[in-house]
C-alpha atoms as a PDB file:
ATOM      1  CA  UNK A   1      29.119   9.563  16.206  1.00  0.00           C
ATOM      2  CA  UNK A   2      29.053   9.291  12.417  1.00  0.00           C
ATOM      3  CA  UNK A   3      27.318   6.499  10.573  1.00  0.00           C
ATOM      4  CA  UNK A   4      27.282   5.072   7.079  1.00  0.00           C
ATOM      5  CA  UNK A   5      24.198   5.312   4.879  1.00  0.00           C
ATOM      6  CA  UNK A   6      24.303   1.611   4.052  1.00  0.00           C
ATOM      7  CA  UNK A   7      25.639  -1.311   6.057  1.00  0.00           C
ATOM      8  CA  UNK A   8      26.241  -3.183   2.808  1.00  0.00           C
ATOM      9  CA  UNK A   9      27.004  -2.391  -0.811  1.00  0.00           C
ATOM     10  CA  UNK A  10      23.644  -1.936  -2.585  1.00  0.00           C
ATOM     11  CA  UNK A  11      23.088  -4.153  -5.601  1.00  0.00           C
ATOM     12  CA  UNK A  12      22.799  -2.144  -8.803  1.00  0.00           C
ATOM     13  CA  UNK A  13      21.342  -5.093 -10.714  1.00  0.00           C
ATOM     14  CA  UNK A  14      18.594  -5.738  -8.149  1.00  0.00           C
ATOM     15  CA  UNK A  15      17.651  -2.061  -8.002  1.00  0.00           C
ATOM     16  CA  UNK A  16      17.430  -1.779 -11.794  1.00  0.00           C
ATOM     17  CA  UNK A  17      15.327  -4.946 -12.048  1.00  0.00           C
ATOM     18  CA  UNK A  18      12.796  -3.600  -9.568  1.00  0.00           C
ATOM     19  CA  UNK A  19      12.739  -0.181 -11.215  1.00  0.00           C
ATOM     20  CA  UNK A  20      11.708  -1.910 -14.434  1.00  0.00           C
ATOM     21  CA  UNK A  21       9.172  -4.154 -12.683  1.00  0.00           C
ATOM     22  CA  UNK A  22       7.486  -1.348 -10.761  1.00  0.00           C
ATOM     23  CA  UNK A  23       7.592   0.958 -13.778  1.00  0.00           C
ATOM     24  CA  UNK A  24       5.902  -1.681 -15.938  1.00  0.00           C
ATOM     25  CA  UNK A  25       3.241  -2.434 -13.327  1.00  0.00           C
ATOM     26  CA  UNK A  26       2.576   1.259 -12.753  1.00  0.00           C
ATOM     27  CA  UNK A  27       2.150   1.911 -16.465  1.00  0.00           C
ATOM     28  CA  UNK A  28      -0.263  -1.016 -16.581  1.00  0.00           C
ATOM     29  CA  UNK A  29      -2.292   0.430 -13.717  1.00  0.00           C
ATOM     30  CA  UNK A  30      -2.329   3.874 -15.321  1.00  0.00           C
ATOM     31  CA  UNK A  31      -3.632   2.379 -18.559  1.00  0.00           C
ATOM     32  CA  UNK A  32      -6.365   0.354 -16.827  1.00  0.00           C
ATOM     33  CA  UNK A  33      -7.414   3.210 -14.539  1.00  0.00           C
ATOM     34  CA  UNK A  34      -7.685   5.605 -17.485  1.00  0.00           C
ATOM     35  CA  UNK A  35      -9.487   3.045 -19.626  1.00  0.00           C
ATOM     36  CA  UNK A  36     -12.118   2.412 -16.964  1.00  0.00           C
ATOM     37  CA  UNK A  37     -12.097   5.957 -15.527  1.00  0.00           C
ATOM     38  CA  UNK A  38     -11.397   4.832 -11.956  1.00  0.00           C
ATOM     39  CA  UNK A  39     -10.053   7.924 -10.239  1.00  0.00           C
ATOM     40  CA  UNK A  40     -10.060   6.317  -6.806  1.00  0.00           C
ATOM     41  CA  UNK A  41      -7.036   4.263  -7.911  1.00  0.00           C
ATOM     42  CA  UNK A  42      -4.861   7.374  -8.141  1.00  0.00           C
ATOM     43  CA  UNK A  43      -3.428   6.625  -4.686  1.00  0.00           C
ATOM     44  CA  UNK A  44      -2.467   3.120  -5.815  1.00  0.00           C
ATOM     45  CA  UNK A  45      -0.780   4.490  -8.927  1.00  0.00           C
ATOM     46  CA  UNK A  46       1.154   7.056  -6.896  1.00  0.00           C
ATOM     47  CA  UNK A  47       2.319   4.175  -4.715  1.00  0.00           C
ATOM     48  CA  UNK A  48       3.692   2.475  -7.815  1.00  0.00           C
ATOM     49  CA  UNK A  49       5.458   5.683  -8.829  1.00  0.00           C
ATOM     50  CA  UNK A  50       6.966   5.890  -5.341  1.00  0.00           C
ATOM     51  CA  UNK A  51       8.305   2.348  -5.659  1.00  0.00           C
ATOM     52  CA  UNK A  52       9.817   2.946  -9.106  1.00  0.00           C
ATOM     53  CA  UNK A  53      11.396   6.258  -8.087  1.00  0.00           C
ATOM     54  CA  UNK A  54      12.601   4.781  -4.805  1.00  0.00           C
ATOM     55  CA  UNK A  55      14.427   1.913  -6.454  1.00  0.00           C
ATOM     56  CA  UNK A  56      15.677   4.278  -9.144  1.00  0.00           C
ATOM     57  CA  UNK A  57      17.282   6.404  -6.434  1.00  0.00           C
ATOM     58  CA  UNK A  58      18.663   3.240  -4.873  1.00  0.00           C
ATOM     59  CA  UNK A  59      20.210   2.328  -8.222  1.00  0.00           C
ATOM     60  CA  UNK A  60      21.893   5.745  -8.307  1.00  0.00           C
ATOM     61  CA  UNK A  61      23.403   5.097  -4.874  1.00  0.00           C
ATOM     62  CA  UNK A  62      24.511   1.625  -5.943  1.00  0.00           C
ATOM     63  CA  UNK A  63      26.269   3.148  -8.938  1.00  0.00           C
ATOM     64  CA  UNK A  64      28.014   5.652  -6.638  1.00  0.00           C
ATOM     65  CA  UNK A  65      29.366   3.029  -4.215  1.00  0.00           C
ATOM     66  CA  UNK A  66      31.206   3.438  -1.950  1.00  0.00           C
ATOM     67  CA  UNK A  67      30.731   7.243  -1.908  1.00  0.00           C
ATOM     68  CA  UNK A  68      26.969   7.662  -1.553  1.00  0.00           C
ATOM     69  CA  UNK A  69      25.214  10.996  -2.023  1.00  0.00           C
ATOM     70  CA  UNK A  70      22.526  11.932   0.453  1.00  0.00           C
ATOM     71  CA  UNK A  71      19.669  12.949  -1.865  1.00  0.00           C
ATOM     72  CA  UNK A  72      19.194   9.568  -3.611  1.00  0.00           C
ATOM     73  CA  UNK A  73      19.456   7.867  -0.226  1.00  0.00           C
ATOM     74  CA  UNK A  74      16.754  10.124   1.217  1.00  0.00           C
ATOM     75  CA  UNK A  75      14.484   9.534  -1.780  1.00  0.00           C
ATOM     76  CA  UNK A  76      14.804   5.762  -1.694  1.00  0.00           C
ATOM     77  CA  UNK A  77      14.318   5.668   2.075  1.00  0.00           C
ATOM     78  CA  UNK A  78      11.148   7.762   2.018  1.00  0.00           C
ATOM     79  CA  UNK A  79       9.501   6.529  -1.167  1.00  0.00           C
ATOM     80  CA  UNK A  80      10.014   2.813  -0.534  1.00  0.00           C
ATOM     81  CA  UNK A  81       8.871   3.271   3.066  1.00  0.00           C
ATOM     82  CA  UNK A  82       5.683   5.182   2.185  1.00  0.00           C
ATOM     83  CA  UNK A  83       4.442   3.389  -0.945  1.00  0.00           C
ATOM     84  CA  UNK A  84       2.566   0.590   0.908  1.00  0.00           C
ATOM     85  CA  UNK A  85       0.463   3.192   2.742  1.00  0.00           C
ATOM     86  CA  UNK A  86      -0.854   4.329  -0.631  1.00  0.00           C
ATOM     87  CA  UNK A  87      -1.601   0.747  -1.665  1.00  0.00           C
ATOM     88  CA  UNK A  88      -3.452   0.240   1.617  1.00  0.00           C
ATOM     89  CA  UNK A  89      -5.584   3.341   1.031  1.00  0.00           C
ATOM     90  CA  UNK A  90      -6.834   1.914  -2.265  1.00  0.00           C
ATOM     91  CA  UNK A  91      -7.518  -1.477  -0.686  1.00  0.00           C
ATOM     92  CA  UNK A  92      -9.694   0.226   1.930  1.00  0.00           C
ATOM     93  CA  UNK A  93     -11.651   1.981  -0.805  1.00  0.00           C
ATOM     94  CA  UNK A  94     -12.149  -1.246  -2.756  1.00  0.00           C
ATOM     95  CA  UNK A  95     -13.776  -2.944   0.244  1.00  0.00           C
ATOM     96  CA  UNK A  96     -16.026   0.076   0.721  1.00  0.00           C
ATOM     97  CA  UNK A  97     -17.231  -0.283  -2.849  1.00  0.00           C
ATOM     98  CA  UNK A  98     -17.830  -4.010  -2.483  1.00  0.00           C
ATOM     99  CA  UNK A  99     -19.972  -3.347   0.588  1.00  0.00           C
ATOM    100  CA  UNK A 100     -21.988  -0.682  -1.208  1.00  0.00           C
ATOM    101  CA  UNK A 101     -22.432  -2.687  -4.409  1.00  0.00           C
ATOM    102  CA  UNK A 102     -23.689  -5.713  -2.479  1.00  0.00           C
ATOM    103  CA  UNK A 103     -25.918  -3.514  -0.304  1.00  0.00           C
ATOM    104  CA  UNK A 104     -23.959  -4.988   2.577  1.00  0.00           C
ATOM    105  CA  UNK A 105     -24.046  -2.239   5.193  1.00  0.00           C
ATOM    106  CA  UNK A 106     -26.160  -4.456   7.444  1.00  0.00           C
ATOM    107  CA  UNK A 107     -23.536  -7.215   7.194  1.00  0.00           C
ATOM    108  CA  UNK A 108     -20.551  -5.000   7.997  1.00  0.00           C
ATOM    109  CA  UNK A 109     -19.204  -3.729  11.315  1.00  0.00           C
ATOM    110  CA  UNK A 110     -18.639  -0.396   9.565  1.00  0.00           C
ATOM    111  CA  UNK A 111     -20.975   1.089   6.970  1.00  0.00           C
ATOM    112  CA  UNK A 112     -19.486   1.197   3.489  1.00  0.00           C
ATOM    113  CA  UNK A 113     -19.868   4.970   3.329  1.00  0.00           C
ATOM    114  CA  UNK A 114     -17.870   5.369   6.547  1.00  0.00           C
ATOM    115  CA  UNK A 115     -15.321   2.614   6.047  1.00  0.00           C
ATOM    116  CA  UNK A 116     -13.181   4.551   3.588  1.00  0.00           C
ATOM    117  CA  UNK A 117     -13.120   7.651   5.782  1.00  0.00           C
ATOM    118  CA  UNK A 118     -12.148   5.755   8.928  1.00  0.00           C
ATOM    119  CA  UNK A 119      -9.405   3.593   7.490  1.00  0.00           C
ATOM    120  CA  UNK A 120      -7.963   6.120   5.058  1.00  0.00           C
ATOM    121  CA  UNK A 121      -7.803   8.634   7.920  1.00  0.00           C
ATOM    122  CA  UNK A 122      -5.725   6.134   9.898  1.00  0.00           C
ATOM    123  CA  UNK A 123      -3.619   5.489   6.827  1.00  0.00           C
ATOM    124  CA  UNK A 124      -3.016   9.212   6.329  1.00  0.00           C
ATOM    125  CA  UNK A 125      -1.981   9.545   9.984  1.00  0.00           C
ATOM    126  CA  UNK A 126       0.438   6.644   9.591  1.00  0.00           C
ATOM    127  CA  UNK A 127       1.726   8.130   6.330  1.00  0.00           C
ATOM    128  CA  UNK A 128       2.589  11.475   7.892  1.00  0.00           C
ATOM    129  CA  UNK A 129       4.156   9.948  11.002  1.00  0.00           C
ATOM    130  CA  UNK A 130       6.336   7.707   8.841  1.00  0.00           C
ATOM    131  CA  UNK A 131       7.155  10.674   6.605  1.00  0.00           C
ATOM    132  CA  UNK A 132       8.291  12.629   9.641  1.00  0.00           C
ATOM    133  CA  UNK A 133      10.472   9.780  10.820  1.00  0.00           C
ATOM    134  CA  UNK A 134      11.919   9.312   7.361  1.00  0.00           C
ATOM    135  CA  UNK A 135      12.696  13.020   7.103  1.00  0.00           C
ATOM    136  CA  UNK A 136      14.509  12.905  10.451  1.00  0.00           C
ATOM    137  CA  UNK A 137      16.542   9.900   9.336  1.00  0.00           C
ATOM    138  CA  UNK A 138      17.371  11.431   5.967  1.00  0.00           C
ATOM    139  CA  UNK A 139      18.755  14.594   7.567  1.00  0.00           C
ATOM    140  CA  UNK A 140      20.417  12.839  10.510  1.00  0.00           C
ATOM    141  CA  UNK A 141      24.090  13.537  11.087  1.00  0.00           C
ATOM    142  CA  UNK A 142      24.468  11.526  14.273  1.00  0.00           C
ATOM    143  CA  UNK A 143      23.498   8.067  15.467  1.00  0.00           C
ATOM    144  CA  UNK A 144      21.166   9.543  18.105  1.00  0.00           C
ATOM    145  CA  UNK A 145      19.267  11.516  15.473  1.00  0.00           C
ATOM    146  CA  UNK A 146      19.056   8.406  13.331  1.00  0.00           C
ATOM    147  CA  UNK A 147      17.630   6.474  16.284  1.00  0.00           C
ATOM    148  CA  UNK A 148      14.992   9.173  16.817  1.00  0.00           C
ATOM    149  CA  UNK A 149      13.903   8.881  13.193  1.00  0.00           C
ATOM    150  CA  UNK A 150      13.694   5.105  13.497  1.00  0.00           C
ATOM    151  CA  UNK A 151      11.539   5.390  16.627  1.00  0.00           C
ATOM    152  CA  UNK A 152       9.124   7.770  14.893  1.00  0.00           C
ATOM    153  CA  UNK A 153       8.869   5.404  11.925  1.00  0.00           C
ATOM    154  CA  UNK A 154       8.128   2.509  14.289  1.00  0.00           C
ATOM    155  CA  UNK A 155       5.223   4.501  15.749  1.00  0.00           C
ATOM    156  CA  UNK A 156       3.897   5.174  12.242  1.00  0.00           C
ATOM    157  CA  UNK A 157       4.189   1.513  11.275  1.00  0.00           C
ATOM    158  CA  UNK A 158       2.423   0.394  14.458  1.00  0.00           C
ATOM    159  CA  UNK A 159      -0.430   2.810  13.688  1.00  0.00           C
ATOM    160  CA  UNK A 160      -0.660   1.277  10.231  1.00  0.00           C
ATOM    161  CA  UNK A 161      -0.649  -2.270  11.620  1.00  0.00           C
ATOM    162  CA  UNK A 162      -3.410  -1.451  14.132  1.00  0.00           C
ATOM    163  CA  UNK A 163      -5.692   0.055  11.498  1.00  0.00           C
ATOM    164  CA  UNK A 164      -4.839  -2.679   9.025  1.00  0.00           C
ATOM    165  CA  UNK A 165      -5.561  -5.377  11.586  1.00  0.00           C
ATOM    166  CA  UNK A 166      -8.951  -3.809  12.300  1.00  0.00           C
ATOM    167  CA  UNK A 167      -9.595  -3.603   8.560  1.00  0.00           C
ATOM    168  CA  UNK A 168      -8.887  -7.318   8.142  1.00  0.00           C
ATOM    169  CA  UNK A 169     -11.273  -8.083  11.014  1.00  0.00           C
ATOM    170  CA  UNK A 170     -13.989  -5.957   9.385  1.00  0.00           C
ATOM    171  CA  UNK A 171     -13.375  -7.719   6.062  1.00  0.00           C
ATOM    172  CA  UNK A 172     -13.567 -11.222   7.522  1.00  0.00           C
ATOM    173  CA  UNK A 173     -16.733 -10.482   9.510  1.00  0.00           C
ATOM    174  CA  UNK A 174     -18.411  -8.894   6.486  1.00  0.00           C
ATOM    175  CA  UNK A 175     -17.437 -11.873   4.325  1.00  0.00           C
ATOM    176  CA  UNK A 176     -18.735 -14.378   6.874  1.00  0.00           C
ATOM    177  CA  UNK A 177     -22.016 -12.576   7.469  1.00  0.00           C
ATOM    178  CA  UNK A 178     -22.636 -12.046   3.766  1.00  0.00           C
ATOM    179  CA  UNK A 179     -21.870 -15.689   2.992  1.00  0.00           C
ATOM    180  CA  UNK A 180     -24.233 -16.906   5.713  1.00  0.00           C
ATOM    181  CA  UNK A 181     -26.996 -14.447   4.886  1.00  0.00           C
ATOM    182  CA  UNK A 182     -26.436 -12.878   1.454  1.00  0.00           C
ATOM    183  CA  UNK A 183     -28.366  -9.826   0.370  1.00  0.00           C
ATOM    184  CA  UNK A 184     -30.420  -9.877  -2.801  1.00  0.00           C
ATOM    185  CA  UNK A 185     -27.891  -7.475  -4.340  1.00  0.00           C
ATOM    186  CA  UNK A 186     -25.047  -9.889  -3.587  1.00  0.00           C
ATOM    187  CA  UNK A 187     -26.921 -12.874  -5.013  1.00  0.00           C
ATOM    188  CA  UNK A 188     -27.935 -10.985  -8.135  1.00  0.00           C
ATOM    189  CA  UNK A 189     -24.690  -9.093  -8.702  1.00  0.00           C
ATOM    190  CA  UNK A 190     -22.800  -9.480 -11.955  1.00  0.00           C
ATOM    191  CA  UNK A 191     -19.379  -9.596 -10.296  1.00  0.00           C
ATOM    192  CA  UNK A 192     -17.811 -12.262  -8.094  1.00  0.00           C
ATOM    193  CA  UNK A 193     -17.491 -10.367  -4.829  1.00  0.00           C
ATOM    194  CA  UNK A 194     -16.126 -13.459  -3.047  1.00  0.00           C
ATOM    195  CA  UNK A 195     -13.184 -13.626  -5.428  1.00  0.00           C
ATOM    196  CA  UNK A 196     -12.350  -9.994  -4.764  1.00  0.00           C
ATOM    197  CA  UNK A 197     -12.560 -10.528  -1.029  1.00  0.00           C
ATOM    198  CA  UNK A 198      -9.922 -13.238  -1.440  1.00  0.00           C
ATOM    199  CA  UNK A 199      -7.798 -10.856  -3.487  1.00  0.00           C
ATOM    200  CA  UNK A 200      -8.088  -8.294  -0.685  1.00  0.00           C
ATOM    201  CA  UNK A 201      -7.027 -10.919   1.871  1.00  0.00           C
ATOM    202  CA  UNK A 202      -4.006 -11.835  -0.238  1.00  0.00           C
ATOM    203  CA  UNK A 203      -2.908  -8.223  -0.715  1.00  0.00           C
ATOM    204  CA  UNK A 204      -3.605  -7.389   2.928  1.00  0.00           C
ATOM    205  CA  UNK A 205      -1.499 -10.319   4.126  1.00  0.00           C
ATOM    206  CA  UNK A 206       1.428  -9.178   1.984  1.00  0.00           C
ATOM    207  CA  UNK A 207       1.240  -5.614   3.284  1.00  0.00           C
ATOM    208  CA  UNK A 208       0.916  -6.829   6.877  1.00  0.00           C
ATOM    209  CA  UNK A 209       3.995  -9.066   6.556  1.00  0.00           C
ATOM    210  CA  UNK A 210       5.918  -6.166   5.049  1.00  0.00           C
ATOM    211  CA  UNK A 211       4.897  -3.832   7.890  1.00  0.00           C
ATOM    212  CA  UNK A 212       5.911  -6.376  10.531  1.00  0.00           C
ATOM    213  CA  UNK A 213       9.249  -6.822   8.780  1.00  0.00           C
ATOM    214  CA  UNK A 214       9.830  -3.066   8.816  1.00  0.00           C
ATOM    215  CA  UNK A 215       8.905  -2.778  12.497  1.00  0.00           C
ATOM    216  CA  UNK A 216      11.399  -5.495  13.416  1.00  0.00           C
ATOM    217  CA  UNK A 217      13.997  -3.900  11.146  1.00  0.00           C
ATOM    218  CA  UNK A 218      13.735  -0.501  12.815  1.00  0.00           C
ATOM    219  CA  UNK A 219      13.572  -1.989  16.309  1.00  0.00           C
ATOM    220  CA  UNK A 220      16.871  -3.758  15.618  1.00  0.00           C
ATOM    221  CA  UNK A 221      18.342  -0.469  14.433  1.00  0.00           C
ATOM    222  CA  UNK A 222      20.910   0.399  11.805  1.00  0.00           C
ATOM    223  CA  UNK A 223      23.367  -2.199  13.110  1.00  0.00           C
ATOM    224  CA  UNK A 224      20.795  -4.989  13.299  1.00  0.00           C
ATOM    225  CA  UNK A 225      20.728  -8.118  11.176  1.00  0.00           C
ATOM    226  CA  UNK A 226      17.893  -6.970   8.909  1.00  0.00           C
ATOM    227  CA  UNK A 227      19.433  -3.621   7.990  1.00  0.00           C
ATOM    228  CA  UNK A 228      22.768  -5.316   7.397  1.00  0.00           C
ATOM    229  CA  UNK A 229      21.468  -7.720   4.741  1.00  0.00           C
ATOM    230  CA  UNK A 230      19.986  -6.145   1.635  1.00  0.00           C
ATOM    231  CA  UNK A 231      18.439  -9.317   0.229  1.00  0.00           C
ATOM    232  CA  UNK A 232      15.945  -9.395   3.103  1.00  0.00           C
ATOM    233  CA  UNK A 233      14.557  -5.998   2.076  1.00  0.00           C
ATOM    234  CA  UNK A 234      13.980  -7.309  -1.430  1.00  0.00           C
ATOM    235  CA  UNK A 235      12.285 -10.463  -0.147  1.00  0.00           C
ATOM    236  CA  UNK A 236      10.064  -8.895   2.516  1.00  0.00           C
ATOM    237  CA  UNK A 237       9.406  -5.515   0.926  1.00  0.00           C
ATOM    238  CA  UNK A 238      10.145  -5.204  -2.788  1.00  0.00           C
ATOM    239  CA  UNK A 239       8.841  -8.629  -3.827  1.00  0.00           C
ATOM    240  CA  UNK A 240       5.751  -8.437  -1.632  1.00  0.00           C
ATOM    241  CA  UNK A 241       4.781  -4.996  -2.929  1.00  0.00           C
ATOM    242  CA  UNK A 242       5.418  -6.151  -6.487  1.00  0.00           C
ATOM    243  CA  UNK A 243       2.962  -9.012  -5.890  1.00  0.00           C
ATOM    244  CA  UNK A 244       0.409  -6.539  -4.493  1.00  0.00           C
ATOM    245  CA  UNK A 245       0.621  -4.467  -7.662  1.00  0.00           C
ATOM    246  CA  UNK A 246       0.618  -7.557  -9.842  1.00  0.00           C
ATOM    247  CA  UNK A 247      -2.449  -9.187  -8.325  1.00  0.00           C
ATOM    248  CA  UNK A 248      -4.461  -6.013  -8.913  1.00  0.00           C
ATOM    249  CA  UNK A 249      -3.439  -6.035 -12.565  1.00  0.00           C
ATOM    250  CA  UNK A 250      -4.728  -9.598 -12.926  1.00  0.00           C
ATOM    251  CA  UNK A 251      -7.822  -8.965 -10.794  1.00  0.00           C
ATOM    252  CA  UNK A 252      -8.248  -5.315 -11.589  1.00  0.00           C
ATOM    253  CA  UNK A 253     -10.872  -3.419  -9.543  1.00  0.00           C
ATOM    254  CA  UNK A 254     -12.530  -2.331 -12.793  1.00  0.00           C
ATOM    255  CA  UNK A 255     -13.990  -5.832 -12.984  1.00  0.00           C
ATOM    256  CA  UNK A 256     -15.953  -5.085  -9.814  1.00  0.00           C
ATOM    257  CA  UNK A 257     -17.919  -2.479 -11.753  1.00  0.00           C
ATOM    258  CA  UNK A 258     -18.673  -4.633 -14.795  1.00  0.00           C
ATOM    259  CA  UNK A 259     -22.412  -4.435 -15.321  1.00  0.00           C
ATOM    260  CA  UNK A 260     -22.782  -1.255 -13.291  1.00  0.00           C
ATOM    261  CA  UNK A 261     -23.207   2.339 -14.328  1.00  0.00           C
ATOM    262  CA  UNK A 262     -22.552   5.488 -12.351  1.00  0.00           C
ATOM    263  CA  UNK A 263     -25.665   7.348 -11.237  1.00  0.00           C
ATOM    264  CA  UNK A 264     -23.809  10.519 -10.365  1.00  0.00           C
ATOM    265  CA  UNK A 265     -21.054  12.446 -12.086  1.00  0.00           C
ATOM    266  CA  UNK A 266     -19.434  12.955  -8.701  1.00  0.00           C
ATOM    267  CA  UNK A 267     -16.101  11.178  -8.423  1.00  0.00           C
ATOM    268  CA  UNK A 268     -14.278   9.939  -5.376  1.00  0.00           C
ATOM    269  CA  UNK A 269     -10.586   9.981  -4.656  1.00  0.00           C
ATOM    270  CA  UNK A 270     -10.523   9.667  -0.902  1.00  0.00           C
ATOM    271  CA  UNK A 271     -13.672  10.972   0.756  1.00  0.00           C
ATOM    272  CA  UNK A 272     -16.096  11.464  -2.108  1.00  0.00           C
ATOM    273  CA  UNK A 273     -18.861   9.096  -3.004  1.00  0.00           C
ATOM    274  CA  UNK A 274     -20.075   7.091  -5.995  1.00  0.00           C
ATOM    275  CA  UNK A 275     -23.561   5.642  -6.299  1.00  0.00           C
ATOM    276  CA  UNK A 276     -24.014   2.641  -8.543  1.00  0.00           C
ATOM    277  CA  UNK A 277     -26.955   0.804  -9.997  1.00  0.00           C
ATOM    278  CA  UNK A 278     -26.853  -2.552 -11.702  1.00  0.00           C
ATOM    279  CA  UNK A 279     -27.534  -2.445 -15.399  1.00  0.00           C
ATOM    280  CA  UNK A 280     -30.280  -4.559 -16.806  1.00  0.00           C
END
């Protein structure tokens, strides 16, 4: 049984608008990351590139309507699907740094040095499972193959939700314990760690809502209500991820390190480690 790539006519205007928005936000993040030499934000930046490229490919398909080519469809499906996993990886690393800078290992369920490894490992697993499902969908020629790809993606999204839910629990418990019994490092720190915890909650909530939306979308299938109405994807995916990128421009992680200097030249992307001391 054959199927159509889209159950609606994609909006060229909407796709172009979000290409420009994600491109602008990504350039902003590149500038700030380079300015402050924060290599651990590379994953976040790649997520922004994925979003911009994904909506660019979607714009190509919209321009081709009603005869859609497969390659742009595959690119937009995969890149838009996977970008939030890269945002999540950076969010995990930011919490790890907050815990270390506040000397908060004793207040956290998971030590700061282990937190990044645990949650990014789960994120990587989710990323590859979703990638596999997206690849199956992109190459599908029958409805049954399409359904298989959707099922694999659902598994990947559920993995992401489980790890993300645990991450939120770790964040809330750390925040509560640190507020009730702050360390001397937290009380004497030159950055507002509470504000950044709230930023993490905000971004985490947006990513969680987006993941739940995608799970429901794929459970309903290609003929379901969600996949038949494009505006819902822009509301519950594009807009939410734009807000995630935007909030970290306003409250950029570089501000966490104001007043700190690096003790080691070693840099961290995923599993490395930074040691920081507060400047006098």
